[in-house]
């Protein structure tokens, strides 16, 4: 198989071809048994994992807004593959940003080329699970500076297909560590993938660790307080999920626009939703890279926007756009296999995946028709 050229610009024709290839296969990824391994490798071979890294780490020095625009367009083509890609890229960023030269040397080349699939299991360090009396994934130090891991990482995308997983664990004294755990270590048990309402082919599942011994050469960061704030692996943070939501919304808008060719009454609806999506995309890209911060910006608007507000609006828009597409598709859209039905299910993903509690609460209040001040 011929290796595709590395995409270094969004204007490269190869980027458009990649999006077309993803869109052509998007309907295939419906159950955990249908892992999109081919598209994921194609993205990696095309340089997608390098988009979020600096040239010092083998990347192409894309600005944060350009990274988000790329994810937006890929999600418009295929949300499942793009979601997996974000977790794969997250592992690359965390390892690339590590001060531990041994862990970088062990994994980076194979990860960036697509020869090795990696993912992350760190959501439990940033969610409400942190209030529990005991961490769900604990670590204790060994005499040689390594760690022994016990417990579970509850939400790990592509776990069953990963050769390495960047996991977050908590020590008894409250310090935290990130560790690049090879999945062939004794005591690592990866679930095959939970069957979900949507994105089941992402093979997201629990990873259980039974006294897994990791050497100092596998430690990505820590042990330190609040390990998630260390290093350079955070990327564009919560804005990334909003980019995916707006990409899915754009797919639904395109459907409405196509339908409006034969049904003129749909034209003002498609046009208004498109204006809303473009305005939100501008806000998103500005929040990632405020005007004047980077001379290579691909989008500029007058002022940055709050990421929390952007996420809330993106959630609302993707729900409105996909439901508008379903309404326009009528009964045909309700038949299994129609893309509109898949998009409606996928839109629900944004209500639960890394959705900040204030946004979830506001959505509940809107559904109930009560104000946030009286919701308790």
Protein backbone atom coordinates (compact mmCIF):
# COMPACT_ATOMS: atom_id res chain seq x y z
CA UNK A 1 0.00 0.00 0.00
CA UNK A 2 1.34 3.42 -0.96
CA UNK A 3 1.93 5.73 1.99
CA UNK A 4 -0.10 8.94 1.52
CA UNK A 5 1.74 12.27 1.64
CA UNK A 6 1.75 14.06 4.98
CA UNK A 7 -0.88 16.79 4.99
CA UNK A 8 0.65 20.06 6.15
CA UNK A 9 -2.07 22.51 5.04
CA UNK A 10 -5.86 22.40 5.10
CA UNK A 11 -5.79 23.61 1.50
CA UNK A 12 -3.87 20.51 0.39
CA UNK A 13 -6.04 18.45 -2.00
CA UNK A 14 -5.07 15.41 0.04
CA UNK A 15 -7.00 16.81 3.00
CA UNK A 16 -10.17 17.02 0.92
CA UNK A 17 -9.56 13.47 -0.31
CA UNK A 18 -9.12 12.26 3.27
CA UNK A 19 -12.45 13.81 4.27
CA UNK A 20 -14.15 12.24 1.24
CA UNK A 21 -12.72 8.82 2.12
CA UNK A 22 -13.93 9.09 5.71
CA UNK A 23 -17.41 10.17 4.63
CA UNK A 24 -17.68 7.25 2.21
CA UNK A 25 -17.11 4.75 5.03
CA UNK A 26 -18.84 6.49 7.95
CA UNK A 27 -21.97 4.35 7.79
CA UNK A 28 -19.93 1.17 8.38
CA UNK A 29 -18.97 1.92 11.98
CA UNK A 30 -22.01 0.87 14.02
CA UNK A 31 -20.99 -1.78 16.56
CA UNK A 32 -17.87 -2.57 18.62
CA UNK A 33 -16.98 -5.35 16.20
CA UNK A 34 -16.70 -2.78 13.38
CA UNK A 35 -13.54 -0.98 14.52
CA UNK A 36 -12.53 1.75 12.01
CA UNK A 37 -8.91 0.63 11.97
CA UNK A 38 -8.40 1.43 8.30
CA UNK A 39 -9.52 5.08 8.48
CA UNK A 40 -7.62 5.61 11.72
CA UNK A 41 -4.40 4.36 10.15
CA UNK A 42 -5.10 6.46 7.05
CA UNK A 43 -5.43 9.56 9.22
CA UNK A 44 -2.20 8.76 11.05
CA UNK A 45 -0.31 8.06 7.83
CA UNK A 46 -1.60 11.37 6.44
CA UNK A 47 -0.01 13.21 9.34
CA UNK A 48 -3.12 13.90 11.42
CA UNK A 49 -1.31 13.13 14.66
CA UNK A 50 1.35 15.70 13.80
CA UNK A 51 -1.18 18.53 13.52
CA UNK A 52 -1.34 18.98 17.29
CA UNK A 53 2.42 18.84 17.89
CA UNK A 54 5.24 21.32 17.52
CA UNK A 55 8.10 20.67 15.13
CA UNK A 56 10.30 19.91 18.15
CA UNK A 57 8.14 16.83 18.73
CA UNK A 58 7.75 15.77 15.11
CA UNK A 59 4.74 17.96 14.41
CA UNK A 60 3.92 20.62 11.84
CA UNK A 61 3.44 23.65 14.13
CA UNK A 62 -0.24 24.20 13.41
CA UNK A 63 -1.89 26.91 15.48
CA UNK A 64 -4.68 25.78 17.83
CA UNK A 65 -7.43 27.24 15.64
CA UNK A 66 -6.13 25.40 12.59
CA UNK A 67 -6.14 22.15 14.57
CA UNK A 68 -9.75 22.71 15.56
CA UNK A 69 -10.80 23.52 12.02
CA UNK A 70 -9.25 20.26 10.84
CA UNK A 71 -11.14 18.28 13.49
CA UNK A 72 -14.33 20.13 12.58
CA UNK A 73 -14.05 19.07 8.94
CA UNK A 74 -13.12 15.49 9.76
CA UNK A 75 -16.08 15.21 12.16
CA UNK A 76 -18.36 16.51 9.43
CA UNK A 77 -17.24 13.49 7.40
CA UNK A 78 -17.13 10.81 10.11
CA UNK A 79 -17.64 11.51 13.80
CA UNK A 80 -16.68 8.04 15.05
CA UNK A 81 -13.26 7.98 13.41
CA UNK A 82 -12.59 11.61 14.36
CA UNK A 83 -13.50 10.99 17.98
CA UNK A 84 -11.10 8.04 18.14
CA UNK A 85 -8.46 10.22 16.50
CA UNK A 86 -8.79 12.87 19.23
CA UNK A 87 -8.03 10.26 21.89
CA UNK A 88 -5.13 8.88 19.85
CA UNK A 89 -3.76 12.41 19.43
CA UNK A 90 -4.24 13.01 23.15
CA UNK A 91 -1.92 10.11 23.93
CA UNK A 92 0.64 11.46 21.47
CA UNK A 93 0.52 14.94 23.00
CA UNK A 94 0.91 13.68 26.55
CA UNK A 95 3.88 11.47 25.68
CA UNK A 96 5.48 14.12 23.45
CA UNK A 97 5.18 16.68 26.26
CA UNK A 98 6.77 14.39 28.83
CA UNK A 99 10.12 15.29 30.39
CA UNK A 100 10.91 11.57 30.44
CA UNK A 101 13.08 10.94 27.37
CA UNK A 102 12.69 7.17 27.76
CA UNK A 103 8.92 7.19 27.31
CA UNK A 104 9.20 9.50 24.31
CA UNK A 105 11.84 7.31 22.66
CA UNK A 106 9.81 4.19 23.25
CA UNK A 107 6.57 5.33 21.67
CA UNK A 108 6.58 8.53 19.62
CA UNK A 109 7.88 7.33 16.27
CA UNK A 110 5.57 4.30 16.16
CA UNK A 111 2.55 6.33 17.31
CA UNK A 112 3.00 9.14 14.79
CA UNK A 113 3.48 6.75 11.87
CA UNK A 114 0.34 4.80 12.71
CA UNK A 115 2.29 1.62 13.40
CA UNK A 116 1.13 1.73 17.02
CA UNK A 117 -2.29 2.82 18.27
CA UNK A 118 -2.45 4.67 21.54
CA UNK A 119 -5.23 6.20 23.58
CA UNK A 120 -5.92 7.85 26.94
CA UNK A 121 -7.71 6.93 30.14
CA UNK A 122 -7.59 10.11 32.20
CA UNK A 123 -11.19 11.35 32.41
CA UNK A 124 -11.53 10.14 36.00
CA UNK A 125 -8.93 12.71 37.06
CA UNK A 126 -11.09 15.60 35.91
CA UNK A 127 -14.66 14.46 36.65
CA UNK A 128 -16.90 14.21 39.70
CA UNK A 129 -15.37 10.81 40.50
CA UNK A 130 -12.60 12.75 42.23
CA UNK A 131 -14.84 13.23 45.26
CA UNK A 132 -14.87 9.50 46.10
CA UNK A 133 -13.18 8.33 49.30
CA UNK A 134 -10.74 6.21 47.31
CA UNK A 135 -9.46 6.80 43.79
CA UNK A 136 -10.84 4.35 41.26
CA UNK A 137 -7.32 3.92 39.83
CA UNK A 138 -4.67 4.01 42.53
CA UNK A 139 -0.89 3.87 42.44
CA UNK A 140 1.82 3.09 44.94
CA UNK A 141 5.50 3.78 44.41
CA UNK A 142 8.15 1.09 44.21
CA UNK A 143 11.68 1.28 45.52
CA UNK A 144 13.10 1.89 42.03
CA UNK A 145 10.79 4.86 41.35
CA UNK A 146 8.22 2.91 39.39
CA UNK A 147 4.56 2.43 40.23
CA UNK A 148 2.08 -0.36 40.86
CA UNK A 149 -1.39 0.39 39.47
CA UNK A 150 -4.65 -1.07 40.74
CA UNK A 151 -8.25 -0.25 39.89
CA UNK A 152 -10.05 0.83 36.74
CA UNK A 153 -10.02 3.55 34.12
CA UNK A 154 -13.74 3.74 33.33
CA UNK A 155 -13.83 5.34 29.87
CA UNK A 156 -11.04 4.42 27.49
CA UNK A 157 -11.68 4.75 23.76
CA UNK A 158 -10.25 2.01 21.56
CA UNK A 159 -8.89 0.17 24.60
CA UNK A 160 -9.08 -3.29 23.02
CA UNK A 161 -7.03 -2.12 20.03
CA UNK A 162 -4.40 -0.07 21.84
CA UNK A 163 -0.78 -1.05 22.25
CA UNK A 164 -0.27 1.72 24.81
CA UNK A 165 -2.68 3.67 27.02
CA UNK A 166 -1.81 6.86 28.87
CA UNK A 167 -3.52 6.35 32.22
CA UNK A 168 -3.97 8.63 35.19
CA UNK A 169 -3.60 7.24 38.71
CA UNK A 170 -3.69 8.69 42.23
CA UNK A 171 -1.36 7.92 45.12
CA UNK A 172 -2.46 7.69 48.75
CA UNK A 173 -1.07 11.15 49.49
CA UNK A 174 -3.21 12.71 46.74
CA UNK A 175 -0.47 13.15 44.18
CA UNK A 176 -1.23 11.98 40.66
CA UNK A 177 0.76 10.40 37.86
CA UNK A 178 0.32 9.81 34.15
CA UNK A 179 1.76 6.54 32.90
CA UNK A 180 2.11 5.11 29.36
CA UNK A 181 1.03 1.54 30.03
CA UNK A 182 1.72 -1.10 27.36
CA UNK A 183 -1.41 -3.23 27.15
CA UNK A 184 0.57 -6.47 27.05
CA UNK A 185 1.78 -6.02 30.62
CA UNK A 186 0.56 -8.68 33.09
CA UNK A 187 -2.59 -7.55 34.87
CA UNK A 188 -3.93 -5.21 32.16
CA UNK A 189 -7.46 -6.16 31.09
CA UNK A 190 -9.13 -4.11 28.32
CA UNK A 191 -12.85 -4.35 27.68
CA UNK A 192 -13.93 -5.07 24.07
CA UNK A 193 -16.13 -1.98 23.80
CA UNK A 194 -19.51 -1.07 25.25
CA UNK A 195 -22.53 -1.09 22.94
CA UNK A 196 -23.78 2.49 23.08
CA UNK A 197 -26.54 4.53 21.46
CA UNK A 198 -23.93 5.92 19.07
CA UNK A 199 -20.17 5.68 18.43
CA UNK A 200 -20.12 2.04 19.53
CA UNK A 201 -17.39 1.32 17.00
CA UNK A 202 -15.09 3.59 19.01
CA UNK A 203 -14.77 0.56 21.33
CA UNK A 204 -14.94 2.72 24.44
CA UNK A 205 -14.82 0.55 27.56
CA UNK A 206 -13.29 0.04 30.97
CA UNK A 207 -9.66 -0.94 31.53
CA UNK A 208 -8.95 -2.89 34.69
CA UNK A 209 -5.48 -3.03 36.23
CA UNK A 210 -4.60 -5.73 38.75
CA UNK A 211 -1.32 -4.78 40.45
CA UNK A 212 0.28 -3.73 37.19
CA UNK A 213 3.96 -2.94 37.67
CA UNK A 214 5.28 -0.09 35.53
CA UNK A 215 8.90 0.97 35.40
CA UNK A 216 10.19 4.55 35.75
CA UNK A 217 10.70 4.59 31.96
CA UNK A 218 6.91 4.42 31.50
CA UNK A 219 6.05 7.45 33.64
CA UNK A 220 4.82 10.37 31.55
CA UNK A 221 4.38 12.89 34.37
CA UNK A 222 4.36 12.99 38.16
CA UNK A 223 3.74 11.99 40.76
CA UNK A 224 2.71 15.58 41.47
CA UNK A 225 -0.34 17.50 42.60
CA UNK A 226 -2.84 18.06 39.78
CA UNK A 227 -0.88 16.23 37.12
CA UNK A 228 -3.34 17.23 34.38
CA UNK A 229 -2.09 20.80 34.56
CA UNK A 230 1.52 19.81 33.92
CA UNK A 231 3.39 19.39 30.65
CA UNK A 232 2.19 20.40 27.21
CA UNK A 233 -0.32 17.66 26.55
CA UNK A 234 -3.57 19.49 27.20
CA UNK A 235 -4.02 20.64 23.63
CA UNK A 236 -7.08 22.75 22.91
CA UNK A 237 -8.99 21.37 25.87
CA UNK A 238 -12.79 21.47 25.85
CA UNK A 239 -12.89 23.42 22.60
CA UNK A 240 -12.03 20.22 20.76
CA UNK A 241 -15.34 18.61 21.69
CA UNK A 242 -17.18 21.72 20.52
CA UNK A 243 -15.37 21.47 17.17
CA UNK A 244 -16.65 17.93 16.76
CA UNK A 245 -20.20 19.00 17.63
CA UNK A 246 -20.13 21.78 15.06
CA UNK A 247 -18.76 19.36 12.48
CA UNK A 248 -21.70 17.02 13.01
CA UNK A 249 -24.07 20.01 12.83
CA UNK A 250 -22.49 20.99 9.50
CA UNK A 251 -23.17 17.50 8.11
CA UNK A 252 -26.86 17.84 8.98
CA UNK A 253 -26.97 21.34 7.47
CA UNK A 254 -25.48 20.02 4.22
CA UNK A 255 -28.28 17.44 4.07
CA UNK A 256 -30.89 20.16 4.50
CA UNK A 257 -29.25 22.29 1.81
CA UNK A 258 -29.25 19.37 -0.62
CA UNK A 259 -32.90 18.65 0.12
CA UNK A 260 -33.79 22.31 -0.44
CA UNK A 261 -32.89 22.00 -4.14
CA UNK A 262 -36.15 20.13 -4.65
CA UNK A 263 -38.00 21.60 -1.64
CA UNK A 264 -37.60 25.41 -1.60
CA UNK A 265 -39.39 25.71 1.74
CA UNK A 266 -36.28 24.25 3.35
CA UNK A 267 -33.97 26.94 1.98
CA UNK A 268 -34.47 29.60 4.71
CA UNK A 269 -34.11 26.92 7.37
CA UNK A 270 -30.87 25.58 5.97
CA UNK A 271 -29.54 29.10 5.41
CA UNK A 272 -30.26 30.23 8.98
CA UNK A 273 -28.72 27.13 10.53
CA UNK A 274 -25.68 27.55 8.32
CA UNK A 275 -25.27 31.17 9.48
CA UNK A 276 -25.56 30.03 13.09
CA UNK A 277 -22.96 27.31 12.55
CA UNK A 278 -20.51 29.64 10.82
CA UNK A 279 -20.85 32.24 13.58
CA UNK A 280 -20.23 29.65 16.26
CA UNK A 281 -17.26 28.27 14.36
CA UNK A 282 -15.76 31.76 14.22
CA UNK A 283 -16.20 32.10 17.99
CA UNK A 284 -14.62 28.70 18.54
CA UNK A 285 -11.56 29.44 16.43
CA UNK A 286 -11.11 32.84 18.03
CA UNK A 287 -11.28 31.35 21.51
CA UNK A 288 -8.52 28.91 20.52
CA UNK A 289 -6.31 31.64 19.07
CA UNK A 290 -7.31 35.21 19.99
CA UNK A 291 -6.62 37.83 17.29
CA UNK A 292 -3.01 38.94 17.25
CA UNK A 293 -1.77 35.90 19.15
CA UNK A 294 -0.64 33.97 16.06
CA UNK A 295 0.07 35.40 12.65
CA UNK A 296 -0.90 32.11 10.98
CA UNK A 297 -4.56 32.23 12.03
CA UNK A 298 -7.04 30.90 9.51
CA UNK A 299 -10.05 32.71 11.09
CA UNK A 300 -10.37 35.97 13.00
CA UNK A 301 -13.26 37.64 14.74
CA UNK A 302 -13.39 40.63 17.04
CA UNK A 303 -13.22 39.06 20.46
CA UNK A 304 -12.60 35.67 22.07
CA UNK A 305 -15.50 33.78 23.64
CA UNK A 306 -15.78 31.77 26.81
CA UNK A 307 -15.16 28.04 26.10
CA UNK A 308 -17.99 27.05 28.44
CA UNK A 309 -20.47 29.24 26.58
CA UNK A 310 -19.19 27.89 23.25
CA UNK A 311 -19.75 24.31 24.40
CA UNK A 312 -23.27 25.06 25.53
CA UNK A 313 -24.16 26.71 22.23
CA UNK A 314 -22.51 23.93 20.22
CA UNK A 315 -24.53 21.32 22.11
CA UNK A 316 -27.72 23.21 21.41
CA UNK A 317 -26.91 23.72 17.74
CA UNK A 318 -26.00 20.11 17.00
CA UNK A 319 -29.27 18.97 18.56
CA UNK A 320 -31.28 21.50 16.54
CA UNK A 321 -29.54 20.73 13.25
CA UNK A 322 -29.78 16.96 13.47
CA UNK A 323 -33.43 17.09 14.54
CA UNK A 324 -34.19 19.52 11.71
CA UNK A 325 -32.59 17.06 9.30
CA UNK A 326 -34.71 14.23 10.72
CA UNK A 327 -37.88 16.31 10.38
CA UNK A 328 -37.02 17.09 6.76
CA UNK A 329 -36.11 13.47 5.99
CA UNK A 330 -39.47 12.28 7.37
CA UNK A 331 -40.00 8.54 7.54
CA UNK A 332 -36.97 7.75 5.42
CA UNK A 333 -34.71 9.27 8.04
CA UNK A 334 -36.24 7.05 10.71
CA UNK A 335 -35.27 3.87 8.89
CA UNK A 336 -32.11 2.18 10.13
CA UNK A 337 -29.20 2.92 7.82
CA UNK A 338 -30.19 6.46 6.86
CA UNK A 339 -27.41 8.91 7.81
CA UNK A 340 -29.84 11.32 9.48
CA UNK A 341 -30.80 8.72 12.06
CA UNK A 342 -27.14 8.11 12.83
CA UNK A 343 -26.50 11.85 13.18
CA UNK A 344 -29.40 12.24 15.62
CA UNK A 345 -28.00 9.47 17.80
CA UNK A 346 -24.50 10.89 17.57
CA UNK A 347 -25.73 14.30 18.68
CA UNK A 348 -26.72 12.77 22.04
CA UNK A 349 -23.06 11.98 22.60
CA UNK A 350 -22.34 15.63 23.31
CA UNK A 351 -24.82 15.67 26.20
CA UNK A 352 -22.76 13.13 28.11
CA UNK A 353 -19.12 13.09 26.91
CA UNK A 354 -16.97 15.47 28.98
CA UNK A 355 -19.99 17.72 29.36
CA UNK A 356 -19.36 20.22 32.19
CA UNK A 357 -21.98 20.11 34.91
CA UNK A 358 -23.09 23.76 34.46
CA UNK A 359 -23.85 23.06 30.79
CA UNK A 360 -25.72 19.86 31.61
CA UNK A 361 -27.72 21.68 34.30
CA UNK A 362 -28.57 24.54 31.96
CA UNK A 363 -29.76 22.07 29.34
CA UNK A 364 -31.97 20.33 31.89
CA UNK A 365 -33.42 23.68 32.97
CA UNK A 366 -34.17 24.58 29.36
CA UNK A 367 -35.92 21.25 28.83
CA UNK A 368 -37.96 21.73 31.98
CA UNK A 369 -38.74 25.36 31.25
CA UNK A 370 -37.30 26.59 34.55
CA UNK A 371 -34.59 29.12 35.24
CA UNK A 372 -31.17 28.02 36.41
CA UNK A 373 -31.61 30.09 39.59
CA UNK A 374 -34.59 28.04 40.75
CA UNK A 375 -33.35 24.61 39.70
CA UNK A 376 -31.59 24.06 43.03
